[in-house]
Amino acid sequence: MATLILTRHAQASLGKQDYDQLSDLGHKQAHLLGEYFDSTSIKPSRVICGSLKRHIETADAITRSLQYNQAIETDPRWNEFDFKGLIKAYLSLNSDQAFNLSRDSNPATFFKLLKKAMFAWANNDLVGLVDESWSDFEYRIETGLEAIRQQADRDDTVMLVSSGGAISMAIRKVMGLSVEQMIDINFQIKNASYASFDIKRDRMVLSGFNHTPHL
């Protein structure tokens, strides 16, 4: 049976001027994950990642540890949603909730605000204020999953590096979760963790979630 290993990128640079790059710890996390896969004889037949820098850097570190010699495929359908744009749109409608993305670095405050913004996005309260609607986000993840399912051969192991929002949406589509459940899952996904899916003829089945045996 074919398998999809869906990995969240390693630690990026939250609070820095350029979030979209791995921190020193992130590079180490990705390298350790690749070493773990190598030690367990997990050999991907295909490696895909989103086109963001943190996705590419994570995939590169993993594959170097695995001595994977094929080209890494990039698919922008697996990029994260624009969380900064989402928060800015939400704040434009809720000016009483002051927050400055470039100066405020308290993670708890940031994630609490992001959760509110995601609910507003899912409820279509931000239509016209963000570049991507909730339904468009759902659609691109759904089509990304379906492409992997249709292209997978028997006994393939497909490795995919993406972000928490995209991964939680993939789990929502596979398991039929509510918006609330999906958003809760999004905030549970650890850096450099992976979920696994069995790829069947007509569907995918979640077989593991948030694994970090390498950390």
C-alpha atoms as a PDB file:
ATOM      1  CA  MET A   1       0.000   0.000   0.000  1.00  0.00           C
ATOM      2  CA  ALA A   2       1.225   3.486  -0.842  1.00  0.00           C
ATOM      3  CA  THR A   3       1.948   5.924   1.971  1.00  0.00           C
ATOM      4  CA  LEU A   4       1.994   9.701   2.287  1.00  0.00           C
ATOM      5  CA  ILE A   5       4.303  11.188   4.916  1.00  0.00           C
ATOM      6  CA  LEU A   6       3.167  14.767   5.475  1.00  0.00           C
ATOM      7  CA  THR A   7       5.772  16.783   7.368  1.00  0.00           C
ATOM      8  CA  ARG A   8       5.558  20.233   8.868  1.00  0.00           C
ATOM      9  CA  HIS A   9       8.580  22.407   8.138  1.00  0.00           C
ATOM     10  CA  ALA A  10      11.158  22.710  10.898  1.00  0.00           C
ATOM     11  CA  GLN A  11      11.299  25.781  13.135  1.00  0.00           C
ATOM     12  CA  ALA A  12      11.165  28.980  11.104  1.00  0.00           C
ATOM     13  CA  SER A  13      12.125  32.469  12.287  1.00  0.00           C
ATOM     14  CA  LEU A  14       9.014  33.765  14.053  1.00  0.00           C
ATOM     15  CA  GLY A  15       9.543  37.327  15.251  1.00  0.00           C
ATOM     16  CA  LYS A  16      12.393  37.954  12.819  1.00  0.00           C
ATOM     17  CA  GLN A  17      12.274  40.272   9.818  1.00  0.00           C
ATOM     18  CA  ASP A  18      12.176  37.257   7.491  1.00  0.00           C
ATOM     19  CA  TYR A  19      10.018  34.536   9.032  1.00  0.00           C
ATOM     20  CA  ASP A  20      10.306  32.369   5.933  1.00  0.00           C
ATOM     21  CA  GLN A  21      13.645  30.741   6.704  1.00  0.00           C
ATOM     22  CA  LEU A  22      14.723  28.060   9.118  1.00  0.00           C
ATOM     23  CA  SER A  23      16.351  29.020  12.395  1.00  0.00           C
ATOM     24  CA  ASP A  24      19.555  27.281  13.476  1.00  0.00           C
ATOM     25  CA  LEU A  25      17.404  24.938  15.549  1.00  0.00           C
ATOM     26  CA  GLY A  26      15.152  24.363  12.547  1.00  0.00           C
ATOM     27  CA  HIS A  27      18.066  23.211  10.390  1.00  0.00           C
ATOM     28  CA  LYS A  28      19.047  20.763  13.129  1.00  0.00           C
ATOM     29  CA  GLN A  29      15.457  19.479  13.471  1.00  0.00           C
ATOM     30  CA  ALA A  30      15.189  18.811   9.731  1.00  0.00           C
ATOM     31  CA  HIS A  31      18.556  17.051   9.648  1.00  0.00           C
ATOM     32  CA  LEU A  32      17.553  14.836  12.588  1.00  0.00           C
ATOM     33  CA  LEU A  33      14.276  13.933  10.894  1.00  0.00           C
ATOM     34  CA  GLY A  34      16.139  12.849   7.773  1.00  0.00           C
ATOM     35  CA  GLU A  35      18.507  10.752   9.890  1.00  0.00           C
ATOM     36  CA  TYR A  36      15.522   9.157  11.630  1.00  0.00           C
ATOM     37  CA  PHE A  37      13.877   8.245   8.325  1.00  0.00           C
ATOM     38  CA  ASP A  38      17.188   6.796   7.134  1.00  0.00           C
ATOM     39  CA  SER A  39      17.567   4.709  10.307  1.00  0.00           C
ATOM     40  CA  THR A  40      14.087   3.247   9.846  1.00  0.00           C
ATOM     41  CA  SER A  41      14.699   2.489   6.155  1.00  0.00           C
ATOM     42  CA  ILE A  42      12.027   4.919   4.987  1.00  0.00           C
ATOM     43  CA  LYS A  43      12.991   5.590   1.377  1.00  0.00           C
ATOM     44  CA  PRO A  44      10.727   8.038  -0.419  1.00  0.00           C
ATOM     45  CA  SER A  45       9.948   7.374  -4.047  1.00  0.00           C
ATOM     46  CA  ARG A  46       8.964  10.998  -4.412  1.00  0.00           C
ATOM     47  CA  VAL A  47       9.589  14.182  -2.383  1.00  0.00           C
ATOM     48  CA  ILE A  48       7.323  17.212  -2.750  1.00  0.00           C
ATOM     49  CA  CYS A  49       7.283  20.512  -0.885  1.00  0.00           C
ATOM     50  CA  GLY A  50       5.581  23.865  -1.010  1.00  0.00           C
ATOM     51  CA  SER A  51       7.482  26.659  -2.727  1.00  0.00           C
ATOM     52  CA  LEU A  52       8.185  28.674   0.436  1.00  0.00           C
ATOM     53  CA  LYS A  53      11.799  28.929   1.585  1.00  0.00           C
ATOM     54  CA  ARG A  54      11.138  27.136   4.880  1.00  0.00           C
ATOM     55  CA  HIS A  55       9.588  24.206   2.981  1.00  0.00           C
ATOM     56  CA  ILE A  56      12.493  23.943   0.544  1.00  0.00           C
ATOM     57  CA  GLU A  57      15.128  24.210   3.285  1.00  0.00           C
ATOM     58  CA  THR A  58      13.392  21.510   5.338  1.00  0.00           C
ATOM     59  CA  ALA A  59      13.005  19.162   2.376  1.00  0.00           C
ATOM     60  CA  ASP A  60      16.621  19.735   1.364  1.00  0.00           C
ATOM     61  CA  ALA A  61      17.956  18.897   4.838  1.00  0.00           C
ATOM     62  CA  ILE A  62      15.801  15.765   5.075  1.00  0.00           C
ATOM     63  CA  THR A  63      16.801  14.461   1.657  1.00  0.00           C
ATOM     64  CA  ARG A  64      20.510  15.123   2.223  1.00  0.00           C
ATOM     65  CA  SER A  65      20.350  12.934   5.329  1.00  0.00           C
ATOM     66  CA  LEU A  66      18.503  10.304   3.284  1.00  0.00           C
ATOM     67  CA  GLN A  67      20.911  10.534   0.341  1.00  0.00           C
ATOM     68  CA  TYR A  68      17.891  11.033  -1.894  1.00  0.00           C
ATOM     69  CA  ASN A  69      19.234  11.768  -5.370  1.00  0.00           C
ATOM     70  CA  GLN A  70      16.104  12.724  -7.291  1.00  0.00           C
ATOM     71  CA  ALA A  71      14.856  16.270  -7.777  1.00  0.00           C
ATOM     72  CA  ILE A  72      12.601  17.693  -5.066  1.00  0.00           C
ATOM     73  CA  GLU A  73       9.284  18.729  -6.611  1.00  0.00           C
ATOM     74  CA  THR A  74       7.748  22.047  -5.576  1.00  0.00           C
ATOM     75  CA  ASP A  75       3.989  22.526  -5.588  1.00  0.00           C
ATOM     76  CA  PRO A  76       2.640  25.920  -4.434  1.00  0.00           C
ATOM     77  CA  ARG A  77      -0.687  24.304  -3.578  1.00  0.00           C
ATOM     78  CA  TRP A  78       1.074  23.223  -0.387  1.00  0.00           C
ATOM     79  CA  ASN A  79       2.099  26.725   0.654  1.00  0.00           C
ATOM     80  CA  GLU A  80       0.778  28.101   3.929  1.00  0.00           C
ATOM     81  CA  PHE A  81      -2.051  30.594   3.874  1.00  0.00           C
ATOM     82  CA  ASP A  82      -1.017  34.233   4.328  1.00  0.00           C
ATOM     83  CA  PHE A  83      -1.293  34.430   8.106  1.00  0.00           C
ATOM     84  CA  LYS A  84       0.067  37.974   8.244  1.00  0.00           C
ATOM     85  CA  GLY A  85      -2.487  39.176   5.714  1.00  0.00           C
ATOM     86  CA  LEU A  86      -5.200  37.336   7.622  1.00  0.00           C
ATOM     87  CA  ILE A  87      -4.326  39.045  10.895  1.00  0.00           C
ATOM     88  CA  LYS A  88      -4.116  42.462   9.253  1.00  0.00           C
ATOM     89  CA  ALA A  89      -7.543  41.961   7.681  1.00  0.00           C
ATOM     90  CA  TYR A  90      -9.017  40.837  11.001  1.00  0.00           C
ATOM     91  CA  LEU A  91      -7.516  43.810  12.838  1.00  0.00           C
ATOM     92  CA  SER A  92      -8.927  46.203  10.241  1.00  0.00           C
ATOM     93  CA  LEU A  93     -12.378  45.078  11.403  1.00  0.00           C
ATOM     94  CA  ASN A  94     -11.441  44.889  15.085  1.00  0.00           C
ATOM     95  CA  SER A  95      -9.307  47.945  15.704  1.00  0.00           C
ATOM     96  CA  ASP A  96      -9.769  47.619  19.465  1.00  0.00           C
ATOM     97  CA  GLN A  97      -7.482  44.560  19.439  1.00  0.00           C
ATOM     98  CA  ALA A  98      -4.173  46.358  18.992  1.00  0.00           C
ATOM     99  CA  PHE A  99      -1.315  44.232  17.706  1.00  0.00           C
ATOM    100  CA  ASN A 100       1.785  45.084  15.680  1.00  0.00           C
ATOM    101  CA  LEU A 101       3.153  42.185  13.629  1.00  0.00           C
ATOM    102  CA  SER A 102       6.595  43.723  13.328  1.00  0.00           C
ATOM    103  CA  ARG A 103       7.042  44.591  17.020  1.00  0.00           C
ATOM    104  CA  ASP A 104       4.876  42.303  19.152  1.00  0.00           C
ATOM    105  CA  SER A 105       6.716  39.010  19.629  1.00  0.00           C
ATOM    106  CA  ASN A 106       4.694  37.329  22.384  1.00  0.00           C
ATOM    107  CA  PRO A 107       3.816  33.943  20.809  1.00  0.00           C
ATOM    108  CA  ALA A 108       0.768  33.387  23.031  1.00  0.00           C
ATOM    109  CA  THR A 109      -0.736  36.737  22.008  1.00  0.00           C
ATOM    110  CA  PHE A 110       0.062  36.105  18.357  1.00  0.00           C
ATOM    111  CA  PHE A 111      -1.512  32.645  18.215  1.00  0.00           C
ATOM    112  CA  LYS A 112      -4.607  33.735  20.136  1.00  0.00           C
ATOM    113  CA  LEU A 113      -5.145  36.487  17.585  1.00  0.00           C
ATOM    114  CA  LEU A 114      -4.442  34.162  14.652  1.00  0.00           C
ATOM    115  CA  LYS A 115      -7.058  31.718  15.919  1.00  0.00           C
ATOM    116  CA  LYS A 116      -9.678  34.491  15.976  1.00  0.00           C
ATOM    117  CA  ALA A 117      -8.644  35.573  12.492  1.00  0.00           C
ATOM    118  CA  MET A 118      -8.956  32.015  11.179  1.00  0.00           C
ATOM    119  CA  PHE A 119     -12.496  31.684  12.522  1.00  0.00           C
ATOM    120  CA  ALA A 120     -13.413  35.005  10.897  1.00  0.00           C
ATOM    121  CA  TRP A 121     -11.860  33.789   7.634  1.00  0.00           C
ATOM    122  CA  ALA A 122     -13.782  30.497   7.733  1.00  0.00           C
ATOM    123  CA  ASN A 123     -17.016  32.409   8.429  1.00  0.00           C
ATOM    124  CA  ASN A 124     -16.413  34.561   5.315  1.00  0.00           C
ATOM    125  CA  ASP A 125     -16.097  37.706   7.434  1.00  0.00           C
ATOM    126  CA  LEU A 126     -12.905  38.715   5.618  1.00  0.00           C
ATOM    127  CA  VAL A 127     -14.155  38.488   2.031  1.00  0.00           C
ATOM    128  CA  GLY A 128     -12.545  41.218  -0.056  1.00  0.00           C
ATOM    129  CA  LEU A 129      -9.891  41.855   2.596  1.00  0.00           C
ATOM    130  CA  VAL A 130      -7.663  38.845   1.879  1.00  0.00           C
ATOM    131  CA  ASP A 131      -6.237  37.486  -1.358  1.00  0.00           C
ATOM    132  CA  GLU A 132      -7.401  33.920  -0.786  1.00  0.00           C
ATOM    133  CA  SER A 133     -10.849  32.915   0.435  1.00  0.00           C
ATOM    134  CA  TRP A 134     -11.353  30.032   2.841  1.00  0.00           C
ATOM    135  CA  SER A 135     -13.051  27.999   0.096  1.00  0.00           C
ATOM    136  CA  ASP A 136     -10.126  28.650  -2.267  1.00  0.00           C
ATOM    137  CA  PHE A 137      -7.723  27.433   0.418  1.00  0.00           C
ATOM    138  CA  GLU A 138      -9.813  24.297   0.916  1.00  0.00           C
ATOM    139  CA  TYR A 139      -9.900  23.682  -2.819  1.00  0.00           C
ATOM    140  CA  ARG A 140      -6.155  23.922  -3.410  1.00  0.00           C
ATOM    141  CA  ILE A 141      -5.384  21.523  -0.558  1.00  0.00           C
ATOM    142  CA  GLU A 142      -8.076  19.114  -1.741  1.00  0.00           C
ATOM    143  CA  THR A 143      -6.710  19.136  -5.300  1.00  0.00           C
ATOM    144  CA  GLY A 144      -3.160  18.721  -3.998  1.00  0.00           C
ATOM    145  CA  LEU A 145      -4.208  15.636  -2.034  1.00  0.00           C
ATOM    146  CA  GLU A 146      -6.138  14.195  -4.943  1.00  0.00           C
ATOM    147  CA  ALA A 147      -3.174  14.641  -7.292  1.00  0.00           C
ATOM    148  CA  ILE A 148      -0.952  12.686  -4.897  1.00  0.00           C
ATOM    149  CA  ARG A 149      -3.546   9.930  -4.527  1.00  0.00           C
ATOM    150  CA  GLN A 150      -4.066   9.548  -8.262  1.00  0.00           C
ATOM    151  CA  GLN A 151      -0.348   9.577  -9.087  1.00  0.00           C
ATOM    152  CA  ALA A 152       0.770   7.174  -6.352  1.00  0.00           C
ATOM    153  CA  ASP A 153       1.751   3.689  -7.440  1.00  0.00           C
ATOM    154  CA  ARG A 154       1.396   0.668  -5.211  1.00  0.00           C
ATOM    155  CA  ASP A 155       4.058   0.638  -2.452  1.00  0.00           C
ATOM    156  CA  ASP A 156       5.114   4.246  -3.165  1.00  0.00           C
ATOM    157  CA  THR A 157       6.221   6.384  -0.245  1.00  0.00           C
ATOM    158  CA  VAL A 158       5.485  10.030  -0.978  1.00  0.00           C
ATOM    159  CA  MET A 159       7.106  12.571   1.324  1.00  0.00           C
ATOM    160  CA  LEU A 160       5.561  16.037   1.439  1.00  0.00           C
ATOM    161  CA  VAL A 161       6.809  19.097   3.366  1.00  0.00           C
ATOM    162  CA  SER A 162       4.261  21.816   4.076  1.00  0.00           C
ATOM    163  CA  SER A 163       2.956  24.024   6.916  1.00  0.00           C
ATOM    164  CA  GLY A 164       0.581  23.639   9.846  1.00  0.00           C
ATOM    165  CA  GLY A 165      -2.419  25.280   8.210  1.00  0.00           C
ATOM    166  CA  ALA A 166      -2.134  23.237   5.032  1.00  0.00           C
ATOM    167  CA  ILE A 167      -1.550  20.016   6.976  1.00  0.00           C
ATOM    168  CA  SER A 168      -4.531  20.601   9.265  1.00  0.00           C
ATOM    169  CA  MET A 169      -6.703  21.324   6.219  1.00  0.00           C
ATOM    170  CA  ALA A 170      -5.511  18.077   4.614  1.00  0.00           C
ATOM    171  CA  ILE A 171      -6.489  16.194   7.772  1.00  0.00           C
ATOM    172  CA  ARG A 172      -9.859  17.975   7.760  1.00  0.00           C
ATOM    173  CA  LYS A 173     -10.520  16.840   4.183  1.00  0.00           C
ATOM    174  CA  VAL A 174      -9.459  13.254   4.883  1.00  0.00           C
ATOM    175  CA  MET A 175     -11.352  12.891   8.162  1.00  0.00           C
ATOM    176  CA  GLY A 176     -14.331  15.180   7.592  1.00  0.00           C
ATOM    177  CA  LEU A 177     -13.510  17.398  10.572  1.00  0.00           C
ATOM    178  CA  SER A 178     -15.329  20.574  11.537  1.00  0.00           C
ATOM    179  CA  VAL A 179     -13.695  23.966  11.127  1.00  0.00           C
ATOM    180  CA  GLU A 180     -13.221  24.181  14.896  1.00  0.00           C
ATOM    181  CA  GLN A 181     -11.512  20.786  15.028  1.00  0.00           C
ATOM    182  CA  MET A 182      -9.272  21.704  12.101  1.00  0.00           C
ATOM    183  CA  ILE A 183      -8.194  24.981  13.696  1.00  0.00           C
ATOM    184  CA  ASP A 184      -7.492  23.216  16.999  1.00  0.00           C
ATOM    185  CA  ILE A 185      -5.316  20.670  15.162  1.00  0.00           C
ATOM    186  CA  ASN A 186      -3.458  23.463  13.398  1.00  0.00           C
ATOM    187  CA  PHE A 187      -2.179  24.785  16.720  1.00  0.00           C
ATOM    188  CA  GLN A 188      -1.103  21.328  17.902  1.00  0.00           C
ATOM    189  CA  ILE A 189       1.195  20.475  14.996  1.00  0.00           C
ATOM    190  CA  LYS A 190       4.824  20.544  16.096  1.00  0.00           C
ATOM    191  CA  ASN A 191       7.744  21.802  14.057  1.00  0.00           C
ATOM    192  CA  ALA A 192       9.362  19.004  12.019  1.00  0.00           C
ATOM    193  CA  SER A 193       6.627  16.558  13.027  1.00  0.00           C
ATOM    194  CA  TYR A 194       4.986  14.258  10.521  1.00  0.00           C
ATOM    195  CA  ALA A 195       1.612  12.685   9.900  1.00  0.00           C
ATOM    196  CA  SER A 196       1.174   9.529   7.844  1.00  0.00           C
ATOM    197  CA  PHE A 197      -1.644   8.508   5.534  1.00  0.00           C
ATOM    198  CA  ASP A 198      -2.433   5.202   3.858  1.00  0.00           C
ATOM    199  CA  ILE A 199      -3.218   5.871   0.202  1.00  0.00           C
ATOM    200  CA  LYS A 200      -6.041   3.611  -0.911  1.00  0.00           C
ATOM    201  CA  ARG A 201      -7.647   3.263  -4.323  1.00  0.00           C
ATOM    202  CA  ASP A 202     -10.440   5.739  -3.653  1.00  0.00           C
ATOM    203  CA  ARG A 203      -9.408   7.631  -0.509  1.00  0.00           C
ATOM    204  CA  MET A 204      -6.734   8.341   2.077  1.00  0.00           C
ATOM    205  CA  VAL A 205      -6.775   7.206   5.706  1.00  0.00           C
ATOM    206  CA  LEU A 206      -4.891   8.972   8.504  1.00  0.00           C
ATOM    207  CA  SER A 207      -2.648   6.424  10.227  1.00  0.00           C
ATOM    208  CA  GLY A 208      -0.470   8.652  12.424  1.00  0.00           C
ATOM    209  CA  PHE A 209      -0.227  12.255  13.578  1.00  0.00           C
ATOM    210  CA  ASN A 210       2.302  14.683  15.077  1.00  0.00           C
ATOM    211  CA  HIS A 211       5.139  12.164  15.319  1.00  0.00           C
ATOM    212  CA  THR A 212       8.480  13.514  16.600  1.00  0.00           C
ATOM    213  CA  PRO A 213      10.566  10.414  17.478  1.00  0.00           C
ATOM    214  CA  HIS A 214      13.702  12.205  16.262  1.00  0.00           C
ATOM    215  CA  LEU A 215      13.435  15.136  18.698  1.00  0.00           C
END
